[in-house]
């Protein structure tokens, strides 16, 4: 008999996930997603520092940030902490 692990959607209410979120694509928990206005963004990277999911990175080839929507849960901390209001939370 093989044991099949359940996904996070099968966890009961108030249950605790036994696997780190890096093992699951938790971005589908989101209702709102962050979108950056590159013209306003000063690349201060405060959004990166405050993101609890490490879902914001500086693009390697360009001078702009990118979001890892596979893991971003849409909490809005990045938008709240952005000093130039370059990040907007938009409904998906």
PDB file of N, CA and C in Angstrom:
ATOM      1  N   UNK A   1       0.850  -1.190   0.000  1.00  0.00           N
ATOM      2  CA  UNK A   1       0.000   0.000   0.000  1.00  0.00           C
ATOM      3  C   UNK A   1       0.886   1.240   0.000  1.00  0.00           C
ATOM      4  N   UNK A   2       0.684   2.100  -0.978  1.00  0.00           N
ATOM      5  CA  UNK A   2       1.482   3.322  -1.056  1.00  0.00           C
ATOM      6  C   UNK A   2       0.758   4.471  -0.377  1.00  0.00           C
ATOM      7  N   UNK A   3       1.531   5.293   0.286  1.00  0.00           N
ATOM      8  CA  UNK A   3       0.968   6.445   0.976  1.00  0.00           C
ATOM      9  C   UNK A   3       1.030   7.658   0.065  1.00  0.00           C
ATOM     10  N   UNK A   4      -0.098   8.269  -0.220  1.00  0.00           N
ATOM     11  CA  UNK A   4      -0.165   9.450  -1.078  1.00  0.00           C
ATOM     12  C   UNK A   4      -0.314  10.687  -0.199  1.00  0.00           C
ATOM     13  N   UNK A   5       0.607  11.646  -0.350  1.00  0.00           N
ATOM     14  CA  UNK A   5       0.526  12.878   0.435  1.00  0.00           C
ATOM     15  C   UNK A   5      -0.567  13.774  -0.111  1.00  0.00           C
ATOM     16  N   UNK A   6      -1.273  14.424   0.787  1.00  0.00           N
ATOM     17  CA  UNK A   6      -2.329  15.349   0.397  1.00  0.00           C
ATOM     18  C   UNK A   6      -1.731  16.709   0.055  1.00  0.00           C
ATOM     19  N   UNK A   7      -2.394  17.443  -0.811  1.00  0.00           N
ATOM     20  CA  UNK A   7      -2.000  18.808  -1.133  1.00  0.00           C
ATOM     21  C   UNK A   7      -2.521  19.768  -0.083  1.00  0.00           C
ATOM     22  N   UNK A   8      -2.071  21.024  -0.139  1.00  0.00           N
ATOM     23  CA  UNK A   8      -2.484  21.987   0.879  1.00  0.00           C
ATOM     24  C   UNK A   8      -3.976  22.261   0.846  1.00  0.00           C
ATOM     25  N   UNK A   9      -4.626  22.096  -0.314  1.00  0.00           N
ATOM     26  CA  UNK A   9      -6.071  22.350  -0.400  1.00  0.00           C
ATOM     27  C   UNK A   9      -6.886  21.304   0.349  1.00  0.00           C
ATOM     28  N   UNK A  10      -6.274  20.199   0.676  1.00  0.00           N
ATOM     29  CA  UNK A  10      -6.978  19.123   1.378  1.00  0.00           C
ATOM     30  C   UNK A  10      -6.796  19.181   2.894  1.00  0.00           C
ATOM     31  N   UNK A  11      -6.072  20.187   3.378  1.00  0.00           N
ATOM     32  CA  UNK A  11      -5.872  20.340   4.814  1.00  0.00           C
ATOM     33  C   UNK A  11      -7.179  20.829   5.429  1.00  0.00           C
ATOM     34  N   UNK A  12      -7.631  20.255   6.527  1.00  0.00           N
ATOM     35  CA  UNK A  12      -8.885  20.701   7.146  1.00  0.00           C
ATOM     36  C   UNK A  12      -8.769  22.119   7.714  1.00  0.00           C
ATOM     37  N   UNK A  13      -9.888  22.769   7.928  1.00  0.00           N
ATOM     38  CA  UNK A  13      -9.905  24.105   8.524  1.00  0.00           C
ATOM     39  C   UNK A  13      -9.155  24.061   9.841  1.00  0.00           C
ATOM     40  N   UNK A  14      -8.298  25.059  10.044  1.00  0.00           N
ATOM     41  CA  UNK A  14      -7.436  25.188  11.224  1.00  0.00           C
ATOM     42  C   UNK A  14      -6.342  24.126  11.253  1.00  0.00           C
ATOM     43  N   UNK A  15      -6.172  23.391  10.168  1.00  0.00           N
ATOM     44  CA  UNK A  15      -5.088  22.416  10.090  1.00  0.00           C
ATOM     45  C   UNK A  15      -3.771  23.110   9.810  1.00  0.00           C
ATOM     46  N   UNK A  16      -2.708  22.403  10.005  1.00  0.00           N
ATOM     47  CA  UNK A  16      -1.368  22.939   9.792  1.00  0.00           C
ATOM     48  C   UNK A  16      -0.702  22.160   8.669  1.00  0.00           C
ATOM     49  N   UNK A  17      -0.141  22.877   7.725  1.00  0.00           N
ATOM     50  CA  UNK A  17       0.561  22.236   6.621  1.00  0.00           C
ATOM     51  C   UNK A  17       1.876  21.663   7.129  1.00  0.00           C
ATOM     52  N   UNK A  18       2.180  20.462   6.744  1.00  0.00           N
ATOM     53  CA  UNK A  18       3.366  19.755   7.231  1.00  0.00           C
ATOM     54  C   UNK A  18       4.564  19.898   6.301  1.00  0.00           C
ATOM     55  N   UNK A  19       4.393  20.647   5.229  1.00  0.00           N
ATOM     56  CA  UNK A  19       5.449  20.831   4.244  1.00  0.00           C
ATOM     57  C   UNK A  19       5.632  22.334   4.026  1.00  0.00           C
ATOM     58  N   UNK A  20       6.858  22.826   3.858  1.00  0.00           N
ATOM     59  CA  UNK A  20       7.059  24.258   3.630  1.00  0.00           C
ATOM     60  C   UNK A  20       6.400  24.727   2.341  1.00  0.00           C
ATOM     61  N   UNK A  21       6.027  26.006   2.304  1.00  0.00           N
ATOM     62  CA  UNK A  21       5.315  26.548   1.146  1.00  0.00           C
ATOM     63  C   UNK A  21       6.164  26.548  -0.122  1.00  0.00           C
ATOM     64  N   UNK A  22       7.478  26.408   0.019  1.00  0.00           N
ATOM     65  CA  UNK A  22       8.329  26.329  -1.169  1.00  0.00           C
ATOM     66  C   UNK A  22       8.071  25.055  -1.960  1.00  0.00           C
ATOM     67  N   UNK A  23       7.435  24.082  -1.337  1.00  0.00           N
ATOM     68  CA  UNK A  23       7.121  22.824  -2.010  1.00  0.00           C
ATOM     69  C   UNK A  23       5.789  22.888  -2.772  1.00  0.00           C
ATOM     70  N   UNK A  24       4.994  23.947  -2.519  1.00  0.00           N
ATOM     71  CA  UNK A  24       3.699  24.106  -3.168  1.00  0.00           C
ATOM     72  C   UNK A  24       3.651  25.439  -3.887  1.00  0.00           C
ATOM     73  N   UNK A  25       2.889  25.527  -4.936  1.00  0.00           N
ATOM     74  CA  UNK A  25       2.647  26.799  -5.601  1.00  0.00           C
ATOM     75  C   UNK A  25       1.481  27.461  -4.879  1.00  0.00           C
ATOM     76  N   UNK A  26       1.809  28.294  -3.904  1.00  0.00           N
ATOM     77  CA  UNK A  26       0.796  28.869  -3.019  1.00  0.00           C
ATOM     78  C   UNK A  26       0.219  30.180  -3.549  1.00  0.00           C
ATOM     79  N   UNK A  27       0.608  30.581  -4.753  1.00  0.00           N
ATOM     80  CA  UNK A  27       0.097  31.824  -5.315  1.00  0.00           C
ATOM     81  C   UNK A  27      -1.396  31.814  -5.582  1.00  0.00           C
ATOM     82  N   UNK A  28      -1.994  30.623  -5.669  1.00  0.00           N
ATOM     83  CA  UNK A  28      -3.432  30.594  -5.923  1.00  0.00           C
ATOM     84  C   UNK A  28      -4.265  30.859  -4.671  1.00  0.00           C
ATOM     85  N   UNK A  29      -3.606  31.208  -3.564  1.00  0.00           N
ATOM     86  CA  UNK A  29      -4.325  31.656  -2.367  1.00  0.00           C
ATOM     87  C   UNK A  29      -4.793  33.100  -2.561  1.00  0.00           C
ATOM     88  N   UNK A  30      -4.225  33.772  -3.513  1.00  0.00           N
ATOM     89  CA  UNK A  30      -4.341  35.211  -3.694  1.00  0.00           C
ATOM     90  C   UNK A  30      -5.681  35.633  -4.291  1.00  0.00           C
ATOM     91  N   UNK A  31      -6.167  36.809  -3.849  1.00  0.00           N
ATOM     92  CA  UNK A  31      -7.303  37.480  -4.477  1.00  0.00           C
ATOM     93  C   UNK A  31      -6.803  38.711  -5.221  1.00  0.00           C
ATOM     94  N   UNK A  32      -5.820  39.401  -4.637  1.00  0.00           N
ATOM     95  CA  UNK A  32      -5.200  40.568  -5.255  1.00  0.00           C
ATOM     96  C   UNK A  32      -3.738  40.263  -5.520  1.00  0.00           C
ATOM     97  N   UNK A  33      -3.216  40.820  -6.620  1.00  0.00           N
ATOM     98  CA  UNK A  33      -1.800  40.616  -6.908  1.00  0.00           C
ATOM     99  C   UNK A  33      -1.109  41.966  -7.060  1.00  0.00           C
ATOM    100  N   UNK A  34       0.172  42.032  -6.687  1.00  0.00           N
ATOM    101  CA  UNK A  34       0.904  43.284  -6.837  1.00  0.00           C
ATOM    102  C   UNK A  34       1.366  43.487  -8.277  1.00  0.00           C
ATOM    103  N   UNK A  35       1.270  44.724  -8.727  1.00  0.00           N
ATOM    104  CA  UNK A  35       1.751  45.112 -10.051  1.00  0.00           C
ATOM    105  C   UNK A  35       2.587  46.375  -9.864  1.00  0.00           C
ATOM    106  N   UNK A  36       3.780  46.367 -10.435  1.00  0.00           N
ATOM    107  CA  UNK A  36       4.682  47.512 -10.254  1.00  0.00           C
ATOM    108  C   UNK A  36       4.591  48.467 -11.440  1.00  0.00           C
ATOM    109  N   UNK A  37       4.626  49.751 -11.133  1.00  0.00           N
ATOM    110  CA  UNK A  37       4.739  50.803 -12.142  1.00  0.00           C
ATOM    111  C   UNK A  37       6.234  51.104 -12.239  1.00  0.00           C
ATOM    112  N   UNK A  38       6.875  50.610 -13.278  1.00  0.00           N
ATOM    113  CA  UNK A  38       8.333  50.737 -13.432  1.00  0.00           C
ATOM    114  C   UNK A  38       8.794  52.183 -13.521  1.00  0.00           C
ATOM    115  N   UNK A  39       7.926  53.055 -13.997  1.00  0.00           N
ATOM    116  CA  UNK A  39       8.304  54.471 -14.097  1.00  0.00           C
ATOM    117  C   UNK A  39       8.404  55.124 -12.726  1.00  0.00           C
ATOM    118  N   UNK A  40       7.599  54.674 -11.774  1.00  0.00           N
ATOM    119  CA  UNK A  40       7.630  55.230 -10.419  1.00  0.00           C
ATOM    120  C   UNK A  40       8.687  54.560  -9.539  1.00  0.00           C
ATOM    121  N   UNK A  41       8.972  53.299  -9.812  1.00  0.00           N
ATOM    122  CA  UNK A  41       9.849  52.496  -8.958  1.00  0.00           C
ATOM    123  C   UNK A  41      11.268  53.063  -8.932  1.00  0.00           C
ATOM    124  N   UNK A  42      11.816  53.244  -7.734  1.00  0.00           N
ATOM    125  CA  UNK A  42      13.177  53.756  -7.561  1.00  0.00           C
ATOM    126  C   UNK A  42      14.175  52.633  -7.247  1.00  0.00           C
ATOM    127  N   UNK A  43      13.717  51.395  -7.262  1.00  0.00           N
ATOM    128  CA  UNK A  43      14.548  50.215  -6.952  1.00  0.00           C
ATOM    129  C   UNK A  43      15.165  50.273  -5.562  1.00  0.00           C
ATOM    130  N   UNK A  44      14.421  50.824  -4.615  1.00  0.00           N
ATOM    131  CA  UNK A  44      14.914  50.855  -3.234  1.00  0.00           C
ATOM    132  C   UNK A  44      14.919  49.454  -2.615  1.00  0.00           C
ATOM    133  N   UNK A  45      14.102  48.557  -3.170  1.00  0.00           N
ATOM    134  CA  UNK A  45      13.980  47.151  -2.753  1.00  0.00           C
ATOM    135  C   UNK A  45      13.421  46.953  -1.349  1.00  0.00           C
ATOM    136  N   UNK A  46      12.742  47.973  -0.825  1.00  0.00           N
ATOM    137  CA  UNK A  46      12.051  47.774   0.454  1.00  0.00           C
ATOM    138  C   UNK A  46      10.980  46.702   0.315  1.00  0.00           C
ATOM    139  N   UNK A  47      10.352  46.633  -0.845  1.00  0.00           N
ATOM    140  CA  UNK A  47       9.334  45.607  -1.081  1.00  0.00           C
ATOM    141  C   UNK A  47       9.951  44.209  -0.913  1.00  0.00           C
ATOM    142  N   UNK A  48      11.132  44.022  -1.436  1.00  0.00           N
ATOM    143  CA  UNK A  48      11.843  42.743  -1.320  1.00  0.00           C
ATOM    144  C   UNK A  48      12.139  42.424   0.147  1.00  0.00           C
ATOM    145  N   UNK A  49      12.575  43.424   0.888  1.00  0.00           N
ATOM    146  CA  UNK A  49      12.917  43.210   2.299  1.00  0.00           C
ATOM    147  C   UNK A  49      11.697  42.864   3.143  1.00  0.00           C
ATOM    148  N   UNK A  50      10.564  43.476   2.848  1.00  0.00           N
ATOM    149  CA  UNK A  50       9.353  43.261   3.649  1.00  0.00           C
ATOM    150  C   UNK A  50       8.538  42.041   3.221  1.00  0.00           C
ATOM    151  N   UNK A  51       8.761  41.528   2.016  1.00  0.00           N
ATOM    152  CA  UNK A  51       7.953  40.411   1.519  1.00  0.00           C
ATOM    153  C   UNK A  51       8.156  39.157   2.371  1.00  0.00           C
ATOM    154  N   UNK A  52       7.094  38.650   3.010  1.00  0.00           N
ATOM    155  CA  UNK A  52       7.235  37.474   3.873  1.00  0.00           C
ATOM    156  C   UNK A  52       7.452  36.179   3.094  1.00  0.00           C
ATOM    157  N   UNK A  53       7.238  36.205   1.791  1.00  0.00           N
ATOM    158  CA  UNK A  53       7.384  34.995   0.979  1.00  0.00           C
ATOM    159  C   UNK A  53       8.581  35.036   0.042  1.00  0.00           C
ATOM    160  N   UNK A  54       9.413  36.074   0.131  1.00  0.00           N
ATOM    161  CA  UNK A  54      10.566  36.245  -0.765  1.00  0.00           C
ATOM    162  C   UNK A  54      10.123  36.134  -2.223  1.00  0.00           C
ATOM    163  N   UNK A  55       8.996  36.743  -2.540  1.00  0.00           N
ATOM    164  CA  UNK A  55       8.415  36.654  -3.882  1.00  0.00           C
ATOM    165  C   UNK A  55       8.754  37.839  -4.772  1.00  0.00           C
ATOM    166  N   UNK A  56       9.651  38.702  -4.321  1.00  0.00           N
ATOM    167  CA  UNK A  56      10.035  39.868  -5.109  1.00  0.00           C
ATOM    168  C   UNK A  56      11.544  39.849  -5.298  1.00  0.00           C
ATOM    169  N   UNK A  57      11.962  39.899  -6.549  1.00  0.00           N
ATOM    170  CA  UNK A  57      13.384  39.857  -6.879  1.00  0.00           C
ATOM    171  C   UNK A  57      13.716  40.958  -7.876  1.00  0.00           C
ATOM    172  N   UNK A  58      14.976  41.336  -7.913  1.00  0.00           N
ATOM    173  CA  UNK A  58      15.473  42.249  -8.922  1.00  0.00           C
ATOM    174  C   UNK A  58      15.798  41.427 -10.157  1.00  0.00           C
ATOM    175  N   UNK A  59      15.258  41.809 -11.304  1.00  0.00           N
ATOM    176  CA  UNK A  59      15.546  41.092 -12.551  1.00  0.00           C
ATOM    177  C   UNK A  59      17.040  41.195 -12.852  1.00  0.00           C
ATOM    178  N   UNK A  60      17.611  40.119 -13.301  1.00  0.00           N
ATOM    179  CA  UNK A  60      19.043  40.083 -13.584  1.00  0.00           C
ATOM    180  C   UNK A  60      19.433  40.976 -14.758  1.00  0.00           C
ATOM    181  N   UNK A  61      18.661  40.948 -15.825  1.00  0.00           N
ATOM    182  CA  UNK A  61      19.039  41.641 -17.053  1.00  0.00           C
ATOM    183  C   UNK A  61      18.492  43.056 -17.169  1.00  0.00           C
ATOM    184  N   UNK A  62      17.606  43.433 -16.290  1.00  0.00           N
ATOM    185  CA  UNK A  62      16.982  44.754 -16.394  1.00  0.00           C
ATOM    186  C   UNK A  62      16.946  45.397 -15.015  1.00  0.00           C
ATOM    187  N   UNK A  63      16.794  46.681 -15.026  1.00  0.00           N
ATOM    188  CA  UNK A  63      16.713  47.391 -13.753  1.00  0.00           C
ATOM    189  C   UNK A  63      15.255  47.539 -13.337  1.00  0.00           C
ATOM    190  N   UNK A  64      14.650  46.419 -12.986  1.00  0.00           N
ATOM    191  CA  UNK A  64      13.281  46.429 -12.483  1.00  0.00           C
ATOM    192  C   UNK A  64      13.047  45.189 -11.633  1.00  0.00           C
ATOM    193  N   UNK A  65      12.011  45.264 -10.817  1.00  0.00           N
ATOM    194  CA  UNK A  65      11.679  44.127  -9.964  1.00  0.00           C
ATOM    195  C   UNK A  65      10.705  43.210 -10.681  1.00  0.00           C
ATOM    196  N   UNK A  66      10.656  41.974 -10.224  1.00  0.00           N
ATOM    197  CA  UNK A  66       9.664  41.035 -10.748  1.00  0.00           C
ATOM    198  C   UNK A  66       9.068  40.256  -9.573  1.00  0.00           C
ATOM    199  N   UNK A  67       7.838  39.832  -9.752  1.00  0.00           N
ATOM    200  CA  UNK A  67       7.120  39.096  -8.719  1.00  0.00           C
ATOM    201  C   UNK A  67       7.087  37.618  -9.076  1.00  0.00           C
ATOM    202  N   UNK A  68       7.278  36.783  -8.088  1.00  0.00           N
ATOM    203  CA  UNK A  68       7.110  35.335  -8.242  1.00  0.00           C
ATOM    204  C   UNK A  68       5.659  35.042  -7.893  1.00  0.00           C
ATOM    205  N   UNK A  69       4.794  35.093  -8.908  1.00  0.00           N
ATOM    206  CA  UNK A  69       3.367  34.904  -8.672  1.00  0.00           C
ATOM    207  C   UNK A  69       3.033  33.461  -8.303  1.00  0.00           C
ATOM    208  N   UNK A  70       3.949  32.533  -8.482  1.00  0.00           N
ATOM    209  CA  UNK A  70       3.710  31.153  -8.045  1.00  0.00           C
ATOM    210  C   UNK A  70       3.661  31.056  -6.525  1.00  0.00           C
ATOM    211  N   UNK A  71       4.339  31.984  -5.824  1.00  0.00           N
ATOM    212  CA  UNK A  71       4.387  31.927  -4.362  1.00  0.00           C
ATOM    213  C   UNK A  71       3.822  33.159  -3.664  1.00  0.00           C
ATOM    214  N   UNK A  72       3.629  34.266  -4.379  1.00  0.00           N
ATOM    215  CA  UNK A  72       3.050  35.476  -3.787  1.00  0.00           C
ATOM    216  C   UNK A  72       1.611  35.188  -3.366  1.00  0.00           C
ATOM    217  N   UNK A  73       1.300  35.502  -2.110  1.00  0.00           N
ATOM    218  CA  UNK A  73      -0.040  35.242  -1.587  1.00  0.00           C
ATOM    219  C   UNK A  73      -0.924  36.482  -1.618  1.00  0.00           C
ATOM    220  N   UNK A  74      -0.391  37.597  -2.109  1.00  0.00           N
ATOM    221  CA  UNK A  74      -1.206  38.807  -2.262  1.00  0.00           C
ATOM    222  C   UNK A  74      -1.493  39.539  -0.973  1.00  0.00           C
ATOM    223  N   UNK A  75      -0.573  39.491  -0.026  1.00  0.00           N
ATOM    224  CA  UNK A  75      -0.811  40.129   1.277  1.00  0.00           C
ATOM    225  C   UNK A  75      -0.825  41.653   1.193  1.00  0.00           C
ATOM    226  N   UNK A  76      -0.117  42.240   0.207  1.00  0.00           N
ATOM    227  CA  UNK A  76      -0.120  43.683   0.032  1.00  0.00           C
ATOM    228  C   UNK A  76       0.903  44.441   0.856  1.00  0.00           C
ATOM    229  N   UNK A  77       1.748  43.739   1.588  1.00  0.00           N
ATOM    230  CA  UNK A  77       2.768  44.420   2.395  1.00  0.00           C
ATOM    231  C   UNK A  77       3.697  45.236   1.502  1.00  0.00           C
ATOM    232  N   UNK A  78       4.051  44.682   0.343  1.00  0.00           N
ATOM    233  CA  UNK A  78       4.943  45.394  -0.579  1.00  0.00           C
ATOM    234  C   UNK A  78       4.349  46.737  -0.995  1.00  0.00           C
ATOM    235  N   UNK A  79       3.076  46.747  -1.340  1.00  0.00           N
ATOM    236  CA  UNK A  79       2.409  47.980  -1.754  1.00  0.00           C
ATOM    237  C   UNK A  79       2.304  48.969  -0.593  1.00  0.00           C
ATOM    238  N   UNK A  80       2.036  48.458   0.577  1.00  0.00           N
ATOM    239  CA  UNK A  80       1.910  49.309   1.766  1.00  0.00           C
ATOM    240  C   UNK A  80       3.244  49.957   2.135  1.00  0.00           C
ATOM    241  N   UNK A  81       4.336  49.240   1.976  1.00  0.00           N
ATOM    242  CA  UNK A  81       5.651  49.732   2.380  1.00  0.00           C
ATOM    243  C   UNK A  81       6.380  50.529   1.305  1.00  0.00           C
ATOM    244  N   UNK A  82       5.902  50.504   0.073  1.00  0.00           N
ATOM    245  CA  UNK A  82       6.573  51.216  -1.019  1.00  0.00           C
ATOM    246  C   UNK A  82       6.513  52.727  -0.767  1.00  0.00           C
ATOM    247  N   UNK A  83       7.660  53.375  -0.607  1.00  0.00           N
ATOM    248  CA  UNK A  83       7.653  54.808  -0.272  1.00  0.00           C
ATOM    249  C   UNK A  83       7.204  55.713  -1.415  1.00  0.00           C
ATOM    250  N   UNK A  84       7.211  55.217  -2.660  1.00  0.00           N
ATOM    251  CA  UNK A  84       6.805  56.047  -3.799  1.00  0.00           C
ATOM    252  C   UNK A  84       5.504  55.562  -4.437  1.00  0.00           C
ATOM    253  N   UNK A  85       4.821  54.635  -3.768  1.00  0.00           N
ATOM    254  CA  UNK A  85       3.536  54.089  -4.226  1.00  0.00           C
ATOM    255  C   UNK A  85       3.618  53.548  -5.654  1.00  0.00           C
ATOM    256  N   UNK A  86       4.703  52.804  -5.930  1.00  0.00           N
ATOM    257  CA  UNK A  86       4.907  52.233  -7.257  1.00  0.00           C
ATOM    258  C   UNK A  86       4.245  50.867  -7.415  1.00  0.00           C
ATOM    259  N   UNK A  87       3.755  50.294  -6.316  1.00  0.00           N
ATOM    260  CA  UNK A  87       3.117  48.977  -6.383  1.00  0.00           C
ATOM    261  C   UNK A  87       1.645  49.121  -6.078  1.00  0.00           C
ATOM    262  N   UNK A  88       0.825  48.586  -6.966  1.00  0.00           N
ATOM    263  CA  UNK A  88      -0.621  48.622  -6.792  1.00  0.00           C
ATOM    264  C   UNK A  88      -1.136  47.192  -6.675  1.00  0.00           C
ATOM    265  N   UNK A  89      -2.066  46.978  -5.778  1.00  0.00           N
ATOM    266  CA  UNK A  89      -2.696  45.654  -5.644  1.00  0.00           C
ATOM    267  C   UNK A  89      -3.928  45.650  -6.537  1.00  0.00           C
ATOM    268  N   UNK A  90      -3.953  44.727  -7.491  1.00  0.00           N
ATOM    269  CA  UNK A  90      -5.086  44.646  -8.422  1.00  0.00           C
ATOM    270  C   UNK A  90      -5.787  43.313  -8.258  1.00  0.00           C
ATOM    271  N   UNK A  91      -7.088  43.337  -8.393  1.00  0.00           N
ATOM    272  CA  UNK A  91      -7.890  42.121  -8.265  1.00  0.00           C
ATOM    273  C   UNK A  91      -7.619  41.195  -9.446  1.00  0.00           C
ATOM    274  N   UNK A  92      -7.456  39.933  -9.165  1.00  0.00           N
ATOM    275  CA  UNK A  92      -7.212  38.953 -10.234  1.00  0.00           C
ATOM    276  C   UNK A  92      -8.505  38.502 -10.845  1.00  0.00           C
TER     277      UNK A  92
END
